[in-house]
N, C-alpha and C. Protein backbone atom coordinates (compact mmCIF):
# COMPACT_ATOMS: atom_id res chain seq x y z
N MET A 1 53.37 -17.42 -61.07
CA MET A 1 52.37 -16.50 -60.59
C MET A 1 52.69 -15.06 -61.00
N GLN A 2 53.98 -14.79 -61.22
CA GLN A 2 54.35 -13.43 -61.62
C GLN A 2 53.82 -13.09 -63.01
N GLY A 3 53.66 -14.12 -63.85
CA GLY A 3 53.06 -13.89 -65.16
C GLY A 3 51.62 -13.43 -65.03
N PHE A 4 50.90 -14.02 -64.08
CA PHE A 4 49.51 -13.63 -63.83
C PHE A 4 49.46 -12.18 -63.35
N VAL A 5 50.36 -11.81 -62.44
CA VAL A 5 50.39 -10.44 -61.91
C VAL A 5 50.67 -9.46 -63.05
N ARG A 6 51.64 -9.76 -63.89
CA ARG A 6 51.96 -8.88 -65.03
C ARG A 6 50.79 -8.78 -66.01
N THR A 7 50.13 -9.91 -66.27
CA THR A 7 48.98 -9.90 -67.18
C THR A 7 47.85 -9.05 -66.61
N MET A 8 47.57 -9.21 -65.34
CA MET A 8 46.50 -8.41 -64.71
C MET A 8 46.86 -6.92 -64.72
N ASP A 9 48.13 -6.61 -64.50
CA ASP A 9 48.54 -5.21 -64.56
C ASP A 9 48.32 -4.63 -65.95
N ARG A 10 48.61 -5.42 -66.99
CA ARG A 10 48.38 -4.96 -68.37
C ARG A 10 46.88 -4.77 -68.64
N ILE A 11 46.09 -5.72 -68.15
CA ILE A 11 44.63 -5.61 -68.34
C ILE A 11 44.10 -4.38 -67.61
N ALA A 12 44.61 -4.14 -66.40
CA ALA A 12 44.17 -2.96 -65.64
C ALA A 12 44.51 -1.67 -66.38
N ILE A 13 45.68 -1.62 -66.98
CA ILE A 13 46.07 -0.43 -67.74
C ILE A 13 45.20 -0.29 -68.99
N ALA A 14 44.93 -1.40 -69.66
CA ALA A 14 44.08 -1.35 -70.86
C ALA A 14 42.66 -0.91 -70.53
N THR A 15 42.09 -1.45 -69.46
CA THR A 15 40.73 -1.05 -69.11
C THR A 15 40.69 0.40 -68.63
N ALA A 16 41.78 0.86 -68.01
CA ALA A 16 41.84 2.27 -67.62
C ALA A 16 41.88 3.16 -68.85
N ALA A 17 42.58 2.72 -69.88
CA ALA A 17 42.62 3.50 -71.12
C ALA A 17 41.23 3.57 -71.76
N VAL A 18 40.53 2.44 -71.78
CA VAL A 18 39.16 2.42 -72.32
C VAL A 18 38.27 3.33 -71.47
N ALA A 19 38.41 3.25 -70.15
CA ALA A 19 37.62 4.10 -69.26
C ALA A 19 37.91 5.57 -69.51
N SER A 20 39.17 5.89 -69.77
CA SER A 20 39.53 7.29 -70.06
C SER A 20 38.83 7.80 -71.31
N VAL A 21 38.79 6.95 -72.33
CA VAL A 21 38.11 7.33 -73.57
C VAL A 21 36.61 7.52 -73.32
N LEU A 22 36.02 6.62 -72.56
CA LEU A 22 34.59 6.73 -72.25
C LEU A 22 34.29 8.01 -71.47
N LEU A 23 35.12 8.32 -70.48
CA LEU A 23 34.90 9.54 -69.68
C LEU A 23 35.14 10.80 -70.50
N ALA A 24 36.13 10.77 -71.38
CA ALA A 24 36.37 11.92 -72.25
C ALA A 24 35.19 12.12 -73.21
N ALA A 25 34.65 11.01 -73.73
CA ALA A 25 33.48 11.10 -74.61
C ALA A 25 32.28 11.66 -73.86
N ALA A 26 32.12 11.24 -72.60
CA ALA A 26 31.01 11.78 -71.79
C ALA A 26 31.19 13.28 -71.56
N ALA A 27 32.42 13.71 -71.28
CA ALA A 27 32.68 15.13 -71.06
C ALA A 27 32.41 15.94 -72.33
N LEU A 28 32.84 15.41 -73.47
CA LEU A 28 32.56 16.10 -74.74
C LEU A 28 31.06 16.15 -75.03
N LEU A 29 30.39 15.07 -74.75
CA LEU A 29 28.95 15.00 -74.98
C LEU A 29 28.22 16.01 -74.09
N ILE A 30 28.61 16.11 -72.85
CA ILE A 30 27.97 17.07 -71.94
C ILE A 30 28.27 18.50 -72.39
N THR A 31 29.50 18.75 -72.80
CA THR A 31 29.85 20.09 -73.31
C THR A 31 29.01 20.43 -74.53
N TRP A 32 28.93 19.47 -75.46
CA TRP A 32 28.10 19.69 -76.64
C TRP A 32 26.65 19.97 -76.25
N MET A 33 26.14 19.22 -75.28
CA MET A 33 24.75 19.37 -74.85
C MET A 33 24.51 20.78 -74.30
N VAL A 34 25.43 21.28 -73.49
CA VAL A 34 25.27 22.62 -72.92
C VAL A 34 25.25 23.67 -74.03
N ILE A 35 26.19 23.55 -74.96
CA ILE A 35 26.25 24.52 -76.06
C ILE A 35 25.01 24.41 -76.94
N TRP A 36 24.62 23.18 -77.26
CA TRP A 36 23.45 22.94 -78.12
C TRP A 36 22.19 23.53 -77.50
N ARG A 37 22.03 23.32 -76.20
CA ARG A 37 20.83 23.85 -75.54
C ARG A 37 20.91 25.36 -75.36
N ALA A 38 22.11 25.90 -75.17
CA ALA A 38 22.26 27.35 -75.05
C ALA A 38 21.88 28.05 -76.35
N MET A 39 22.00 27.33 -77.47
CA MET A 39 21.61 27.90 -78.76
C MET A 39 20.11 27.74 -79.03
N GLY A 40 19.37 27.23 -78.04
CA GLY A 40 17.92 27.11 -78.18
C GLY A 40 17.44 25.80 -78.75
N ASN A 41 18.32 24.85 -78.91
CA ASN A 41 17.95 23.54 -79.44
C ASN A 41 17.70 22.56 -78.30
N SER A 42 17.17 21.43 -78.66
CA SER A 42 17.00 20.39 -77.64
C SER A 42 17.33 19.04 -78.25
N ALA A 43 17.72 18.14 -77.40
CA ALA A 43 17.98 16.75 -77.80
C ALA A 43 17.43 15.88 -76.68
N TRP A 44 17.21 14.63 -76.98
CA TRP A 44 16.54 13.78 -76.01
C TRP A 44 17.37 12.58 -75.58
N TRP A 45 18.57 12.45 -76.05
CA TRP A 45 19.35 11.25 -75.80
C TRP A 45 20.66 11.49 -75.06
N GLU A 46 21.14 12.73 -75.05
CA GLU A 46 22.50 13.00 -74.62
C GLU A 46 22.76 12.76 -73.13
N ILE A 47 21.81 13.07 -72.28
CA ILE A 47 22.03 12.88 -70.84
C ILE A 47 22.18 11.40 -70.52
N GLU A 48 21.28 10.61 -71.07
CA GLU A 48 21.34 9.18 -70.82
C GLU A 48 22.61 8.55 -71.40
N ALA A 49 23.00 8.98 -72.57
CA ALA A 49 24.23 8.47 -73.19
C ALA A 49 25.44 8.83 -72.33
N ALA A 50 25.48 10.06 -71.82
CA ALA A 50 26.59 10.48 -70.97
C ALA A 50 26.63 9.65 -69.68
N VAL A 51 25.47 9.37 -69.11
CA VAL A 51 25.41 8.54 -67.90
C VAL A 51 25.93 7.14 -68.20
N TYR A 52 25.52 6.56 -69.30
CA TYR A 52 26.00 5.23 -69.70
C TYR A 52 27.53 5.24 -69.80
N LEU A 53 28.07 6.24 -70.48
CA LEU A 53 29.53 6.32 -70.67
C LEU A 53 30.26 6.47 -69.33
N MET A 54 29.72 7.31 -68.44
CA MET A 54 30.39 7.52 -67.15
C MET A 54 30.34 6.28 -66.26
N VAL A 55 29.19 5.62 -66.23
CA VAL A 55 29.07 4.42 -65.39
C VAL A 55 29.98 3.31 -65.93
N MET A 56 29.99 3.13 -67.24
CA MET A 56 30.88 2.12 -67.82
C MET A 56 32.34 2.45 -67.50
N GLY A 57 32.70 3.70 -67.62
CA GLY A 57 34.07 4.12 -67.32
C GLY A 57 34.44 3.88 -65.86
N LEU A 58 33.51 4.14 -64.97
CA LEU A 58 33.77 3.93 -63.54
C LEU A 58 34.10 2.47 -63.24
N PHE A 59 33.30 1.56 -63.74
CA PHE A 59 33.53 0.14 -63.44
C PHE A 59 34.77 -0.40 -64.15
N LEU A 60 35.05 0.08 -65.35
CA LEU A 60 36.23 -0.40 -66.06
C LEU A 60 37.52 0.16 -65.47
N ALA A 61 37.46 1.29 -64.79
CA ALA A 61 38.65 1.88 -64.18
C ALA A 61 38.98 1.25 -62.82
N SER A 62 38.06 0.48 -62.28
CA SER A 62 38.24 -0.07 -60.94
C SER A 62 39.51 -0.92 -60.77
N PRO A 63 39.84 -1.84 -61.68
CA PRO A 63 41.08 -2.62 -61.48
C PRO A 63 42.34 -1.74 -61.45
N TYR A 64 42.39 -0.74 -62.30
CA TYR A 64 43.56 0.16 -62.33
C TYR A 64 43.64 0.97 -61.03
N THR A 65 42.50 1.40 -60.54
CA THR A 65 42.48 2.15 -59.30
C THR A 65 43.02 1.30 -58.15
N LEU A 66 42.65 0.03 -58.13
CA LEU A 66 43.19 -0.88 -57.12
C LEU A 66 44.68 -1.09 -57.32
N LYS A 67 45.10 -1.30 -58.55
CA LYS A 67 46.51 -1.55 -58.86
C LYS A 67 47.39 -0.39 -58.40
N THR A 68 46.94 0.82 -58.59
CA THR A 68 47.73 2.01 -58.27
C THR A 68 47.45 2.54 -56.86
N ASN A 69 46.65 1.80 -56.10
CA ASN A 69 46.28 2.21 -54.74
C ASN A 69 45.62 3.59 -54.76
N GLY A 70 44.80 3.83 -55.78
CA GLY A 70 44.14 5.11 -55.94
C GLY A 70 42.81 5.22 -55.23
N HIS A 71 42.38 4.14 -54.60
CA HIS A 71 41.10 4.16 -53.90
C HIS A 71 41.24 4.86 -52.56
N VAL A 72 40.13 5.25 -51.99
CA VAL A 72 40.13 5.87 -50.68
C VAL A 72 40.27 4.75 -49.65
N GLY A 73 41.27 4.86 -48.82
CA GLY A 73 41.49 3.82 -47.82
C GLY A 73 42.08 4.43 -46.56
N VAL A 74 41.85 3.77 -45.48
CA VAL A 74 42.42 4.19 -44.20
C VAL A 74 43.60 3.28 -43.93
N ASP A 75 44.79 3.83 -43.99
CA ASP A 75 45.99 3.01 -43.80
C ASP A 75 46.77 3.41 -42.56
N LEU A 76 46.10 4.05 -41.62
CA LEU A 76 46.77 4.50 -40.41
C LEU A 76 47.36 3.32 -39.64
N LEU A 77 46.58 2.25 -39.48
CA LEU A 77 47.06 1.08 -38.76
C LEU A 77 48.26 0.46 -39.48
N ALA A 78 48.15 0.27 -40.77
CA ALA A 78 49.25 -0.33 -41.55
C ALA A 78 50.50 0.53 -41.49
N HIS A 79 50.32 1.84 -41.40
CA HIS A 79 51.46 2.77 -41.35
C HIS A 79 52.31 2.54 -40.10
N TYR A 80 51.69 2.19 -38.99
CA TYR A 80 52.40 2.03 -37.73
C TYR A 80 52.80 0.59 -37.43
N LEU A 81 52.39 -0.34 -38.26
CA LEU A 81 52.77 -1.74 -38.07
C LEU A 81 54.13 -2.02 -38.69
N PRO A 82 54.84 -3.03 -38.17
CA PRO A 82 56.07 -3.45 -38.85
C PRO A 82 55.74 -3.95 -40.26
N ALA A 83 56.73 -3.94 -41.15
CA ALA A 83 56.50 -4.26 -42.56
C ALA A 83 55.81 -5.61 -42.75
N GLY A 84 56.23 -6.64 -42.04
CA GLY A 84 55.63 -7.97 -42.18
C GLY A 84 54.18 -7.99 -41.76
N LYS A 85 53.87 -7.33 -40.65
CA LYS A 85 52.48 -7.27 -40.17
C LYS A 85 51.62 -6.42 -41.10
N ALA A 86 52.20 -5.34 -41.62
CA ALA A 86 51.45 -4.49 -42.55
C ALA A 86 51.11 -5.26 -43.82
N ARG A 87 52.05 -6.09 -44.30
CA ARG A 87 51.79 -6.91 -45.49
C ARG A 87 50.71 -7.94 -45.20
N SER A 88 50.74 -8.53 -44.01
CA SER A 88 49.70 -9.50 -43.62
C SER A 88 48.33 -8.83 -43.59
N LEU A 89 48.27 -7.63 -43.05
CA LEU A 89 47.01 -6.88 -43.03
C LEU A 89 46.55 -6.57 -44.45
N GLN A 90 47.49 -6.17 -45.31
CA GLN A 90 47.17 -5.86 -46.71
C GLN A 90 46.60 -7.10 -47.41
N ILE A 91 47.18 -8.25 -47.17
CA ILE A 91 46.70 -9.48 -47.79
C ILE A 91 45.32 -9.85 -47.26
N ALA A 92 45.10 -9.69 -45.95
CA ALA A 92 43.79 -10.01 -45.36
C ALA A 92 42.71 -9.10 -45.96
N VAL A 93 43.02 -7.83 -46.11
CA VAL A 93 42.07 -6.88 -46.69
C VAL A 93 41.82 -7.24 -48.16
N ALA A 94 42.86 -7.66 -48.86
CA ALA A 94 42.70 -8.05 -50.26
C ALA A 94 41.81 -9.28 -50.39
N TRP A 95 41.93 -10.24 -49.48
CA TRP A 95 41.06 -11.42 -49.51
C TRP A 95 39.60 -11.02 -49.31
N VAL A 96 39.36 -10.10 -48.38
CA VAL A 96 37.99 -9.62 -48.16
C VAL A 96 37.47 -8.93 -49.42
N GLY A 97 38.29 -8.07 -50.02
CA GLY A 97 37.90 -7.40 -51.27
C GLY A 97 37.64 -8.38 -52.39
N LEU A 98 38.47 -9.42 -52.47
CA LEU A 98 38.30 -10.46 -53.49
C LEU A 98 36.95 -11.16 -53.34
N VAL A 99 36.63 -11.56 -52.13
CA VAL A 99 35.36 -12.26 -51.89
C VAL A 99 34.17 -11.34 -52.21
N ILE A 100 34.25 -10.10 -51.79
CA ILE A 100 33.16 -9.15 -52.07
C ILE A 100 33.00 -8.94 -53.57
N CYS A 101 34.11 -8.77 -54.28
CA CYS A 101 34.02 -8.55 -55.73
C CYS A 101 33.50 -9.77 -56.46
N ILE A 102 33.87 -10.97 -56.00
CA ILE A 102 33.33 -12.19 -56.63
C ILE A 102 31.82 -12.24 -56.44
N TYR A 103 31.37 -11.94 -55.23
CA TYR A 103 29.92 -11.94 -54.98
C TYR A 103 29.22 -10.89 -55.85
N LEU A 104 29.77 -9.68 -55.89
CA LEU A 104 29.14 -8.62 -56.67
C LEU A 104 29.17 -8.92 -58.17
N ALA A 105 30.24 -9.54 -58.65
CA ALA A 105 30.29 -9.94 -60.07
C ALA A 105 29.18 -10.95 -60.36
N TRP A 106 29.01 -11.90 -59.47
CA TRP A 106 27.95 -12.90 -59.66
C TRP A 106 26.57 -12.25 -59.60
N ALA A 107 26.32 -11.44 -58.56
CA ALA A 107 24.99 -10.84 -58.38
C ALA A 107 24.64 -9.89 -59.53
N THR A 108 25.59 -9.07 -59.94
CA THR A 108 25.31 -8.15 -61.04
C THR A 108 25.25 -8.88 -62.38
N GLY A 109 25.96 -10.01 -62.48
CA GLY A 109 25.86 -10.84 -63.68
C GLY A 109 24.46 -11.41 -63.84
N VAL A 110 23.89 -11.88 -62.74
CA VAL A 110 22.51 -12.39 -62.76
C VAL A 110 21.55 -11.26 -63.13
N PHE A 111 21.75 -10.10 -62.53
CA PHE A 111 20.93 -8.92 -62.79
C PHE A 111 21.00 -8.53 -64.27
N THR A 112 22.21 -8.55 -64.84
CA THR A 112 22.42 -8.20 -66.25
C THR A 112 21.74 -9.21 -67.15
N LEU A 113 21.90 -10.48 -66.84
CA LEU A 113 21.29 -11.54 -67.65
C LEU A 113 19.76 -11.43 -67.64
N GLU A 114 19.19 -11.13 -66.48
CA GLU A 114 17.73 -10.96 -66.40
C GLU A 114 17.28 -9.77 -67.24
N ALA A 115 18.02 -8.67 -67.18
CA ALA A 115 17.67 -7.49 -67.99
C ALA A 115 17.78 -7.82 -69.48
N PHE A 116 18.78 -8.61 -69.85
CA PHE A 116 18.97 -9.02 -71.25
C PHE A 116 17.80 -9.89 -71.71
N GLU A 117 17.45 -10.89 -70.89
CA GLU A 117 16.37 -11.82 -71.26
C GLU A 117 15.02 -11.12 -71.37
N ARG A 118 14.76 -10.15 -70.50
CA ARG A 118 13.49 -9.43 -70.54
C ARG A 118 13.48 -8.32 -71.59
N GLY A 119 14.67 -7.95 -72.07
CA GLY A 119 14.74 -6.84 -73.02
C GLY A 119 14.44 -5.51 -72.36
N ASP A 120 14.83 -5.35 -71.10
CA ASP A 120 14.54 -4.12 -70.36
C ASP A 120 15.12 -2.90 -71.06
N ARG A 121 14.33 -1.84 -71.05
CA ARG A 121 14.75 -0.56 -71.61
C ARG A 121 14.49 0.53 -70.59
N THR A 122 15.16 1.64 -70.76
CA THR A 122 14.91 2.77 -69.87
C THR A 122 13.55 3.38 -70.22
N GLU A 123 13.08 4.24 -69.36
CA GLU A 123 11.76 4.83 -69.56
C GLU A 123 11.82 6.15 -70.32
N SER A 124 12.95 6.47 -70.88
CA SER A 124 13.12 7.74 -71.59
C SER A 124 12.57 7.64 -73.01
N THR A 125 12.60 8.76 -73.71
CA THR A 125 12.19 8.80 -75.11
C THR A 125 13.12 7.95 -75.97
N TRP A 126 14.40 8.00 -75.66
CA TRP A 126 15.40 7.23 -76.41
C TRP A 126 15.23 5.74 -76.15
N ALA A 127 14.97 5.37 -74.90
CA ALA A 127 14.70 4.00 -74.47
C ALA A 127 15.78 2.99 -74.88
N PRO A 128 17.06 3.25 -74.53
CA PRO A 128 18.08 2.25 -74.86
C PRO A 128 17.94 1.02 -73.96
N LEU A 129 18.49 -0.08 -74.42
CA LEU A 129 18.50 -1.30 -73.61
C LEU A 129 19.34 -1.07 -72.36
N LYS A 130 18.93 -1.68 -71.27
CA LYS A 130 19.65 -1.50 -70.01
C LYS A 130 20.84 -2.44 -69.86
N TRP A 131 20.77 -3.62 -70.49
CA TRP A 131 21.81 -4.61 -70.23
C TRP A 131 23.21 -4.17 -70.63
N PRO A 132 23.41 -3.37 -71.68
CA PRO A 132 24.80 -2.95 -71.97
C PRO A 132 25.39 -2.12 -70.83
N LEU A 133 24.57 -1.28 -70.21
CA LEU A 133 25.04 -0.51 -69.06
C LEU A 133 25.32 -1.44 -67.89
N TYR A 134 24.41 -2.34 -67.63
CA TYR A 134 24.57 -3.27 -66.51
C TYR A 134 25.77 -4.20 -66.71
N LEU A 135 26.11 -4.51 -67.95
CA LEU A 135 27.22 -5.42 -68.23
C LEU A 135 28.55 -4.89 -67.70
N ALA A 136 28.67 -3.58 -67.63
CA ALA A 136 29.91 -3.00 -67.09
C ALA A 136 30.13 -3.41 -65.64
N MET A 137 29.06 -3.68 -64.91
CA MET A 137 29.20 -4.03 -63.49
C MET A 137 29.84 -5.40 -63.29
N PRO A 138 29.29 -6.49 -63.84
CA PRO A 138 29.95 -7.78 -63.61
C PRO A 138 31.35 -7.84 -64.22
N VAL A 139 31.54 -7.19 -65.36
CA VAL A 139 32.88 -7.18 -65.97
C VAL A 139 33.86 -6.43 -65.06
N GLY A 140 33.45 -5.26 -64.60
CA GLY A 140 34.32 -4.48 -63.71
C GLY A 140 34.61 -5.19 -62.39
N PHE A 141 33.58 -5.79 -61.79
CA PHE A 141 33.79 -6.50 -60.52
C PHE A 141 34.66 -7.74 -60.72
N ALA A 142 34.47 -8.47 -61.82
CA ALA A 142 35.28 -9.66 -62.08
C ALA A 142 36.74 -9.27 -62.30
N LEU A 143 36.98 -8.22 -63.07
CA LEU A 143 38.35 -7.77 -63.29
C LEU A 143 38.98 -7.25 -62.00
N THR A 144 38.18 -6.58 -61.18
CA THR A 144 38.70 -6.10 -59.90
C THR A 144 39.02 -7.26 -58.97
N ALA A 145 38.19 -8.32 -59.00
CA ALA A 145 38.48 -9.52 -58.21
C ALA A 145 39.81 -10.12 -58.66
N LEU A 146 40.02 -10.21 -59.96
CA LEU A 146 41.28 -10.74 -60.46
C LEU A 146 42.46 -9.84 -60.08
N GLN A 147 42.22 -8.53 -60.06
CA GLN A 147 43.28 -7.61 -59.64
C GLN A 147 43.59 -7.79 -58.16
N TYR A 148 42.57 -8.03 -57.34
CA TYR A 148 42.81 -8.33 -55.92
C TYR A 148 43.69 -9.58 -55.80
N LEU A 149 43.41 -10.59 -56.61
CA LEU A 149 44.21 -11.80 -56.60
C LEU A 149 45.66 -11.48 -56.98
N ALA A 150 45.83 -10.63 -57.97
CA ALA A 150 47.17 -10.21 -58.36
C ALA A 150 47.87 -9.47 -57.23
N GLU A 151 47.12 -8.64 -56.49
CA GLU A 151 47.71 -7.90 -55.38
C GLU A 151 48.14 -8.85 -54.26
N ILE A 152 47.39 -9.93 -54.07
CA ILE A 152 47.75 -10.92 -53.04
C ILE A 152 49.08 -11.59 -53.40
N PHE A 153 49.27 -11.89 -54.67
CA PHE A 153 50.48 -12.59 -55.11
C PHE A 153 51.59 -11.67 -55.60
N ARG A 154 51.35 -10.37 -55.56
CA ARG A 154 52.38 -9.41 -56.01
C ARG A 154 53.58 -9.50 -55.07
N PRO A 155 54.79 -9.61 -55.64
CA PRO A 155 55.96 -9.68 -54.75
C PRO A 155 56.17 -8.36 -54.02
N VAL A 156 56.64 -8.47 -52.81
CA VAL A 156 56.92 -7.28 -52.00
C VAL A 156 58.29 -6.77 -52.40
N PRO A 157 58.38 -5.48 -52.75
CA PRO A 157 59.69 -4.95 -53.14
C PRO A 157 60.65 -4.99 -51.95
N VAL A 158 61.85 -5.43 -52.21
CA VAL A 158 62.87 -5.48 -51.17
C VAL A 158 63.54 -4.13 -51.11
N PRO A 159 63.58 -3.52 -49.91
CA PRO A 159 64.21 -2.20 -49.82
C PRO A 159 65.70 -2.30 -50.11
N ALA A 160 66.20 -1.30 -50.80
CA ALA A 160 67.63 -1.26 -51.14
C ALA A 160 68.44 -1.03 -49.86
N PRO A 161 69.55 -1.70 -49.73
CA PRO A 161 70.37 -1.49 -48.53
C PRO A 161 70.90 -0.07 -48.50
N GLU A 162 70.92 0.48 -47.32
CA GLU A 162 71.42 1.86 -47.18
C GLU A 162 72.94 1.82 -47.19
N SER A 163 73.49 2.72 -47.93
CA SER A 163 74.95 2.74 -48.00
C SER A 163 75.50 3.61 -46.89
N ALA A 164 76.56 3.17 -46.32
CA ALA A 164 77.20 3.94 -45.26
C ALA A 164 78.14 4.95 -45.92
N ALA A 165 77.90 6.19 -45.63
CA ALA A 165 78.74 7.23 -46.26
C ALA A 165 79.67 7.85 -45.31
């Protein structure tokens, strides 16, 4: 099972790197758009492209955020529980997150497939297909579900014995 945990950690880091590139591209695109428009020009695709990049980045960064405990969470109860009880609470919360992510991966997968089959496009002048944007949702939720599974099976670090000085 430790191989699975290590593999998921590598995947989380890889998807975070991809998300970083997407978010950096969105930031550059928005900067370019502001400068381009300040010079009196106009474009019709940049806002939608930036939104696509940011949304894709958000969902792809989700497994890494879970891995690094970077999400917003209330851990007051776990803080005051003994280590064993805190770990039990952490595992119970991870199971709930796993079930929710599996459901959301399935629901957004159906949604993405329907958009693909219908050939849905946005209502803008550029009118890109919607399914590539939607695809980030089931992929992100599925990877986050797998990361929750990795968190459930992640070994608990054993505290180092304190040395008597």
